[in-house]
């Protein structure tokens, strides 16, 4: 089987890449806006004999469960040099230095190993079948697919783990996003996840963002796509390749106009990068008196609950922190709303306007 765990590290890590530091802490890369010398990431697992995830003879406890509060909790567990004030985002982020990476787990190598040598358990079997179906029905190349989540670093359990995958590249991601119905119609083993099967996910979002009512969540999750292979739900997340990123680290700098969220009504003008992390929506925004003439032209979203849902022409209410977007020399180029900030935790959201 090709080696999934590698000491080689890509020049720029991609969203959802998994790596381990020298102390055995496991991280997931956060987003496609990545510096060259560090990695913006989430601390997701730490070694703990009381945990329930096992890999390589070690036991782990999960520390990231979604939302800003989990990120803040993770920061407190890290050495000071793993946390920095990021010049692009203007805020304190988890950014381990590249030299701290002891092991890198390749999503593509993991999938190729399963396909070549056969699955070791039923969860790996579901992932292999999903990849083969995506390849045969939609002509998505197998090299554009990878394993994500705990299966990637062999910490999963067939008793309670999920099956998560990545699809790489703008072209392959767009093909998949437009073809879920076609998948279900053209393969007997595939069906789409029903709205009622998203109930737990909807409750998790509502617990983090209480202002969202049931109808808001149902409207959102009607747009959420996932396939079931013989009733096993498989989430497939779009991931941009490094040379496709619409924003590169250091090309922009963000500074809060207000240090609290504001609510605005917008019309989505372009959602080309709306399915990726961060989701980027170009918008036409109605004026907001609190911003004193500042015109918002885009929404940048670091909360997965609101990615991949909104399309060109949609009318949406957005609650986010308004920020100026400046060039490296300090010239203000435009203004944006950021969804997924520490300052606005629990009060930032996107929802459809009827």
Protein backbone atom coordinates (compact mmCIF):
# COMPACT_ATOMS: atom_id res chain seq x y z
CA UNK A 1 0.00 0.00 0.00
CA UNK A 2 1.35 3.51 -0.78
CA UNK A 3 2.53 5.24 2.39
CA UNK A 4 -0.19 7.54 3.67
CA UNK A 5 1.90 8.96 6.52
CA UNK A 6 4.76 10.96 5.03
CA UNK A 7 7.63 13.10 6.28
CA UNK A 8 7.51 15.04 2.98
CA UNK A 9 5.22 18.06 3.19
CA UNK A 10 3.68 19.82 0.15
CA UNK A 11 4.97 23.36 -0.57
CA UNK A 12 1.52 24.73 0.30
CA UNK A 13 -0.98 22.67 2.26
CA UNK A 14 -4.58 22.53 1.08
CA UNK A 15 -7.80 22.88 2.99
CA UNK A 16 -8.57 19.75 5.06
CA UNK A 17 -5.04 18.32 4.83
CA UNK A 18 -4.09 16.44 8.00
CA UNK A 19 -0.72 16.57 9.72
CA UNK A 20 0.87 15.70 13.04
CA UNK A 21 3.45 17.62 15.06
CA UNK A 22 6.38 16.19 17.02
CA UNK A 23 4.26 15.90 20.16
CA UNK A 24 1.69 13.75 18.36
CA UNK A 25 -1.00 16.44 18.14
CA UNK A 26 -3.16 16.07 15.03
CA UNK A 27 -4.28 19.11 13.00
CA UNK A 28 -6.55 19.82 10.06
CA UNK A 29 -5.57 22.60 7.67
CA UNK A 30 -8.06 25.48 7.65
CA UNK A 31 -8.79 26.99 4.25
CA UNK A 32 -6.97 27.70 1.01
CA UNK A 33 -5.44 31.03 2.14
CA UNK A 34 -2.16 29.63 3.46
CA UNK A 35 1.22 31.22 4.26
CA UNK A 36 4.43 29.62 3.00
CA UNK A 37 6.27 29.29 6.32
CA UNK A 38 3.38 28.25 8.57
CA UNK A 39 0.07 26.38 8.32
CA UNK A 40 -3.25 27.91 9.38
CA UNK A 41 -4.93 24.95 11.03
CA UNK A 42 -7.27 23.60 13.67
CA UNK A 43 -5.99 21.45 16.51
CA UNK A 44 -8.34 18.49 16.28
CA UNK A 45 -6.92 15.61 18.35
CA UNK A 46 -4.49 15.26 21.25
CA UNK A 47 -3.08 12.13 22.86
CA UNK A 48 -5.15 11.15 25.87
CA UNK A 49 -5.61 7.72 27.43
CA UNK A 50 -9.23 8.65 28.10
CA UNK A 51 -9.98 9.20 24.41
CA UNK A 52 -11.70 6.81 22.02
CA UNK A 53 -9.75 7.36 18.78
CA UNK A 54 -6.82 4.97 18.26
CA UNK A 55 -4.03 5.09 15.69
CA UNK A 56 -0.60 3.48 15.63
CA UNK A 57 -0.96 2.16 19.16
CA UNK A 58 -1.79 5.60 20.56
CA UNK A 59 -5.09 6.87 21.99
CA UNK A 60 -6.49 10.29 21.14
CA UNK A 61 -9.16 12.66 22.38
CA UNK A 62 -10.97 14.97 19.99
CA UNK A 63 -10.76 18.65 20.98
CA UNK A 64 -12.34 20.39 17.97
CA UNK A 65 -16.09 19.91 17.52
CA UNK A 66 -16.92 22.87 15.30
CA UNK A 67 -17.34 26.58 15.94
CA UNK A 68 -15.09 29.33 17.21
CA UNK A 69 -15.22 28.22 20.86
CA UNK A 70 -13.51 24.93 19.98
CA UNK A 71 -10.78 26.85 18.17
CA UNK A 72 -10.16 29.03 21.23
CA UNK A 73 -10.00 25.96 23.50
CA UNK A 74 -7.40 24.42 21.19
CA UNK A 75 -5.20 27.52 21.31
CA UNK A 76 -4.77 27.11 25.07
CA UNK A 77 -3.21 23.66 24.55
CA UNK A 78 -0.44 24.80 22.21
CA UNK A 79 3.09 26.21 22.57
CA UNK A 80 3.25 29.97 22.17
CA UNK A 81 5.21 29.76 18.89
CA UNK A 82 2.33 27.79 17.31
CA UNK A 83 0.02 30.81 17.70
CA UNK A 84 0.62 34.11 15.94
CA UNK A 85 -1.02 37.38 14.93
CA UNK A 86 -1.53 36.73 11.24
CA UNK A 87 -0.68 39.73 9.04
CA UNK A 88 -3.29 38.80 6.41
CA UNK A 89 -6.23 38.31 8.76
CA UNK A 90 -5.18 40.71 11.49
CA UNK A 91 -6.08 38.27 14.23
CA UNK A 92 -4.57 35.55 16.43
CA UNK A 93 -4.54 32.16 14.71
CA UNK A 94 -3.19 28.65 15.21
CA UNK A 95 -0.27 28.49 12.75
CA UNK A 96 2.30 25.78 13.50
CA UNK A 97 5.63 26.43 11.76
CA UNK A 98 6.24 24.11 8.81
CA UNK A 99 9.31 22.71 10.56
CA UNK A 100 7.05 21.50 13.40
CA UNK A 101 5.28 19.08 11.06
CA UNK A 102 6.47 15.55 11.80
CA UNK A 103 4.01 13.64 9.62
CA UNK A 104 1.78 14.54 6.71
CA UNK A 105 -1.13 12.31 5.72
CA UNK A 106 -1.87 12.21 1.99
CA UNK A 107 -5.63 11.92 1.23
CA UNK A 108 -4.96 10.75 -2.32
CA UNK A 109 -2.39 8.13 -1.28
CA UNK A 110 -4.79 6.75 1.32
CA UNK A 111 -7.52 6.29 -1.29
CA UNK A 112 -5.12 4.81 -3.84
CA UNK A 113 -3.91 2.33 -1.23
CA UNK A 114 -7.46 1.22 -0.44
CA UNK A 115 -8.27 0.82 -4.13
CA UNK A 116 -5.07 -1.12 -4.82
CA UNK A 117 -4.92 -3.43 -1.80
CA UNK A 118 -8.59 -3.59 -0.88
CA UNK A 119 -10.42 -2.12 2.10
CA UNK A 120 -9.52 -3.20 5.64
CA UNK A 121 -13.04 -2.63 6.96
CA UNK A 122 -16.53 -1.68 5.82
CA UNK A 123 -15.94 2.09 6.11
CA UNK A 124 -12.93 1.92 3.80
CA UNK A 125 -15.10 -0.22 1.55
CA UNK A 126 -17.78 2.47 1.33
CA UNK A 127 -15.15 5.08 0.48
CA UNK A 128 -13.70 2.89 -2.26
CA UNK A 129 -17.13 2.26 -3.77
CA UNK A 130 -17.99 5.95 -3.68
CA UNK A 131 -14.76 6.81 -5.50
CA UNK A 132 -15.34 4.17 -8.15
CA UNK A 133 -18.92 5.35 -8.73
CA UNK A 134 -17.88 9.01 -9.02
CA UNK A 135 -15.27 7.94 -11.53
CA UNK A 136 -17.55 5.71 -13.61
CA UNK A 137 -20.71 7.86 -13.61
CA UNK A 138 -19.27 11.39 -13.62
CA UNK A 139 -15.80 10.76 -15.11
CA UNK A 140 -14.14 12.42 -12.12
CA UNK A 141 -10.53 11.17 -12.17
CA UNK A 142 -9.60 9.00 -9.20
CA UNK A 143 -6.54 11.20 -8.65
CA UNK A 144 -8.92 14.09 -7.93
CA UNK A 145 -10.40 12.22 -4.97
CA UNK A 146 -9.07 11.63 -1.48
CA UNK A 147 -9.94 10.29 1.96
CA UNK A 148 -10.65 12.73 4.80
CA UNK A 149 -11.48 12.51 8.49
CA UNK A 150 -10.28 9.83 10.88
CA UNK A 151 -10.06 7.19 8.13
CA UNK A 152 -7.19 9.18 6.59
CA UNK A 153 -4.91 8.66 9.58
CA UNK A 154 -6.32 5.22 10.49
CA UNK A 155 -7.97 6.38 13.71
CA UNK A 156 -11.50 5.41 12.71
CA UNK A 157 -13.80 2.79 14.14
CA UNK A 158 -16.44 0.98 12.06
CA UNK A 159 -18.72 1.29 15.11
CA UNK A 160 -19.03 5.08 15.23
CA UNK A 161 -16.90 6.85 12.61
CA UNK A 162 -18.17 8.70 9.55
CA UNK A 163 -16.99 8.41 5.96
CA UNK A 164 -15.65 11.69 4.60
CA UNK A 165 -13.93 12.40 1.31
CA UNK A 166 -12.49 15.30 -0.67
CA UNK A 167 -12.85 16.19 -4.33
CA UNK A 168 -9.93 18.27 -5.59
CA UNK A 169 -9.96 21.09 -8.10
CA UNK A 170 -12.49 23.63 -9.32
CA UNK A 171 -13.46 21.59 -12.40
CA UNK A 172 -14.07 18.29 -10.58
CA UNK A 173 -15.85 20.06 -7.72
CA UNK A 174 -18.16 21.88 -10.12
CA UNK A 175 -18.91 18.64 -11.95
CA UNK A 176 -19.94 16.98 -8.70
CA UNK A 177 -22.01 19.90 -7.41
CA UNK A 178 -24.08 19.92 -10.61
CA UNK A 179 -24.49 16.15 -10.82
CA UNK A 180 -25.89 14.82 -7.54
CA UNK A 181 -29.27 14.05 -9.10
CA UNK A 182 -27.54 12.34 -12.01
CA UNK A 183 -25.57 10.15 -9.61
CA UNK A 184 -28.73 8.98 -7.88
CA UNK A 185 -30.52 8.30 -11.16
CA UNK A 186 -27.66 6.39 -12.76
CA UNK A 187 -26.55 4.05 -9.99
CA UNK A 188 -28.75 1.71 -7.97
CA UNK A 189 -26.51 1.88 -4.88
CA UNK A 190 -26.69 5.67 -4.63
CA UNK A 191 -29.37 7.89 -3.15
CA UNK A 192 -29.28 11.46 -1.88
CA UNK A 193 -29.45 12.19 1.82
CA UNK A 194 -32.97 13.22 2.84
CA UNK A 195 -33.81 16.40 4.75
CA UNK A 196 -34.90 14.46 7.85
CA UNK A 197 -31.47 12.79 7.95
CA UNK A 198 -29.88 16.20 8.54
CA UNK A 199 -31.73 16.72 11.85
CA UNK A 200 -28.69 16.31 14.10
CA UNK A 201 -26.59 18.57 11.90
CA UNK A 202 -29.32 21.22 11.97
CA UNK A 203 -29.48 21.08 15.75
CA UNK A 204 -25.70 21.51 16.02
CA UNK A 205 -25.90 24.66 13.89
CA UNK A 206 -28.84 25.97 15.89
CA UNK A 207 -27.00 25.37 19.18
CA UNK A 208 -24.13 27.55 17.91
CA UNK A 209 -26.31 30.20 16.23
CA UNK A 210 -29.57 30.44 18.24
CA UNK A 211 -31.06 33.18 16.04
CA UNK A 212 -31.60 30.63 13.25
CA UNK A 213 -35.06 29.07 13.51
CA UNK A 214 -36.15 25.71 12.19
CA UNK A 215 -37.41 27.09 8.87
CA UNK A 216 -34.07 28.86 8.28
CA UNK A 217 -32.20 25.62 8.81
CA UNK A 218 -34.53 23.55 6.66
CA UNK A 219 -34.21 26.03 3.80
CA UNK A 220 -30.43 25.83 4.09
CA UNK A 221 -30.20 22.07 4.34
CA UNK A 222 -32.44 21.55 1.33
CA UNK A 223 -29.44 22.88 -0.57
CA UNK A 224 -26.97 20.63 1.28
CA UNK A 225 -25.84 17.62 -0.77
CA UNK A 226 -24.51 14.27 0.37
CA UNK A 227 -24.75 10.82 -1.12
CA UNK A 228 -25.62 7.58 0.59
CA UNK A 229 -23.98 4.39 -0.62
CA UNK A 230 -26.28 1.58 0.51
CA UNK A 231 -27.59 3.94 3.21
CA UNK A 232 -24.11 4.93 4.46
CA UNK A 233 -23.91 8.72 4.25
CA UNK A 234 -20.71 10.01 2.66
CA UNK A 235 -19.80 13.68 2.79
CA UNK A 236 -17.65 14.87 -0.11
CA UNK A 237 -16.07 18.28 0.38
CA UNK A 238 -14.77 20.43 -2.50
CA UNK A 239 -11.13 21.50 -2.08
CA UNK A 240 -9.29 23.99 -4.28
CA UNK A 241 -5.81 23.26 -5.57
CA UNK A 242 -3.21 25.83 -4.45
CA UNK A 243 -2.88 27.44 -7.89
CA UNK A 244 -6.67 27.91 -8.09
CA UNK A 245 -7.06 29.98 -4.93
CA UNK A 246 -8.83 33.30 -5.66
CA UNK A 247 -7.05 34.89 -2.68
CA UNK A 248 -3.41 34.21 -1.79
CA UNK A 249 -1.96 34.77 1.64
CA UNK A 250 -0.37 38.19 1.98
CA UNK A 251 -2.08 39.65 -1.09
CA UNK A 252 -4.69 41.29 1.14
CA UNK A 253 -5.00 42.56 4.70
CA UNK A 254 -8.20 42.68 6.73
CA UNK A 255 -9.08 45.16 9.44
CA UNK A 256 -12.40 45.39 11.30
CA UNK A 257 -14.52 48.45 10.58
CA UNK A 258 -16.65 47.52 13.59
CA UNK A 259 -15.72 44.91 16.18
CA UNK A 260 -19.15 43.33 16.16
CA UNK A 261 -21.41 41.75 13.53
CA UNK A 262 -23.84 43.79 11.46
CA UNK A 263 -26.83 42.44 9.55
CA UNK A 264 -27.20 43.18 5.86
CA UNK A 265 -29.45 42.05 3.03
CA UNK A 266 -27.51 41.05 -0.06
CA UNK A 267 -28.05 39.50 -3.47
CA UNK A 268 -25.47 36.93 -4.51
CA UNK A 269 -23.75 38.12 -7.67
CA UNK A 270 -21.13 35.36 -8.04
CA UNK A 271 -20.78 32.07 -6.16
CA UNK A 272 -17.96 30.46 -8.17
CA UNK A 273 -15.97 29.90 -4.97
CA UNK A 274 -18.93 29.53 -2.64
CA UNK A 275 -18.42 25.81 -2.02
CA UNK A 276 -14.84 26.10 -0.79
CA UNK A 277 -13.25 27.14 2.50
CA UNK A 278 -13.34 30.04 2.91
CA UNK A 279 -16.47 30.48 0.82
CA UNK A 280 -16.28 33.63 -1.27
CA UNK A 281 -19.50 35.30 -2.39
CA UNK A 282 -19.52 38.49 -4.46
CA UNK A 283 -22.64 40.43 -3.52
CA UNK A 284 -24.79 43.46 -4.14
CA UNK A 285 -25.55 44.74 -0.64
CA UNK A 286 -28.27 47.06 0.57
CA UNK A 287 -26.94 50.04 2.59
CA UNK A 288 -26.61 49.74 6.35
CA UNK A 289 -26.69 52.95 8.42
CA UNK A 290 -24.27 51.47 10.96
CA UNK A 291 -21.54 51.42 8.30
CA UNK A 292 -21.79 55.13 7.44
CA UNK A 293 -21.52 54.77 3.67
CA UNK A 294 -19.17 51.77 3.55
CA UNK A 295 -20.18 49.57 0.59
CA UNK A 296 -19.85 45.83 1.11
CA UNK A 297 -18.90 43.99 -2.10
CA UNK A 298 -18.22 40.46 -0.88
CA UNK A 299 -18.78 37.97 1.92
CA UNK A 300 -15.95 35.70 3.12
CA UNK A 301 -17.13 32.70 5.14
CA UNK A 302 -15.07 30.54 7.50
CA UNK A 303 -18.05 28.63 8.87
CA UNK A 304 -18.79 25.38 7.04
CA UNK A 305 -22.48 25.61 7.90
CA UNK A 306 -22.84 28.34 5.28
CA UNK A 307 -20.64 27.10 2.45
CA UNK A 308 -21.92 25.56 -0.76
CA UNK A 309 -25.51 26.71 -0.21
CA UNK A 310 -25.98 30.04 -1.94
CA UNK A 311 -26.13 30.70 -5.67
CA UNK A 312 -26.15 33.63 -8.02
CA UNK A 313 -29.41 35.55 -7.64
CA UNK A 314 -30.20 34.34 -4.12
CA UNK A 315 -31.42 36.97 -1.65
CA UNK A 316 -29.67 36.43 1.66
CA UNK A 317 -29.46 38.02 5.09
CA UNK A 318 -25.88 38.03 6.31
CA UNK A 319 -24.60 38.76 9.80
CA UNK A 320 -20.86 39.25 9.87
CA UNK A 321 -18.06 41.52 10.99
CA UNK A 322 -17.43 44.31 8.45
CA UNK A 323 -13.79 44.57 7.38
CA UNK A 324 -11.70 46.69 5.07
CA UNK A 325 -9.70 44.77 2.47
CA UNK A 326 -6.38 46.50 1.82
CA UNK A 327 -3.41 45.86 -0.43
CA UNK A 328 -0.05 45.06 1.23
CA UNK A 329 0.89 48.75 0.97
CA UNK A 330 -2.23 49.78 2.90
CA UNK A 331 -4.55 50.99 0.13
CA UNK A 332 -8.19 50.06 0.87
CA UNK A 333 -9.49 48.15 -2.16
CA UNK A 334 -12.96 47.08 -0.97
CA UNK A 335 -15.02 46.06 2.06
CA UNK A 336 -16.32 42.66 3.09
CA UNK A 337 -18.36 40.89 5.73
CA UNK A 338 -16.48 38.09 7.46
CA UNK A 339 -18.55 35.19 8.81
CA UNK A 340 -16.71 32.97 11.28
CA UNK A 341 -14.84 35.44 13.50
CA UNK A 342 -14.05 35.18 17.20
CA UNK A 343 -15.64 38.59 17.83
CA UNK A 344 -18.95 37.51 16.34
CA UNK A 345 -19.12 33.94 17.60
CA UNK A 346 -22.74 32.80 17.90
CA UNK A 347 -24.09 35.91 16.16
CA UNK A 348 -22.82 35.42 12.61
CA UNK A 349 -24.88 33.61 10.00
CA UNK A 350 -26.36 33.53 6.52
CA UNK A 351 -29.98 32.71 5.78
CA UNK A 352 -32.33 32.93 2.84
CA UNK A 353 -34.74 35.82 2.58
CA UNK A 354 -38.20 34.64 1.55
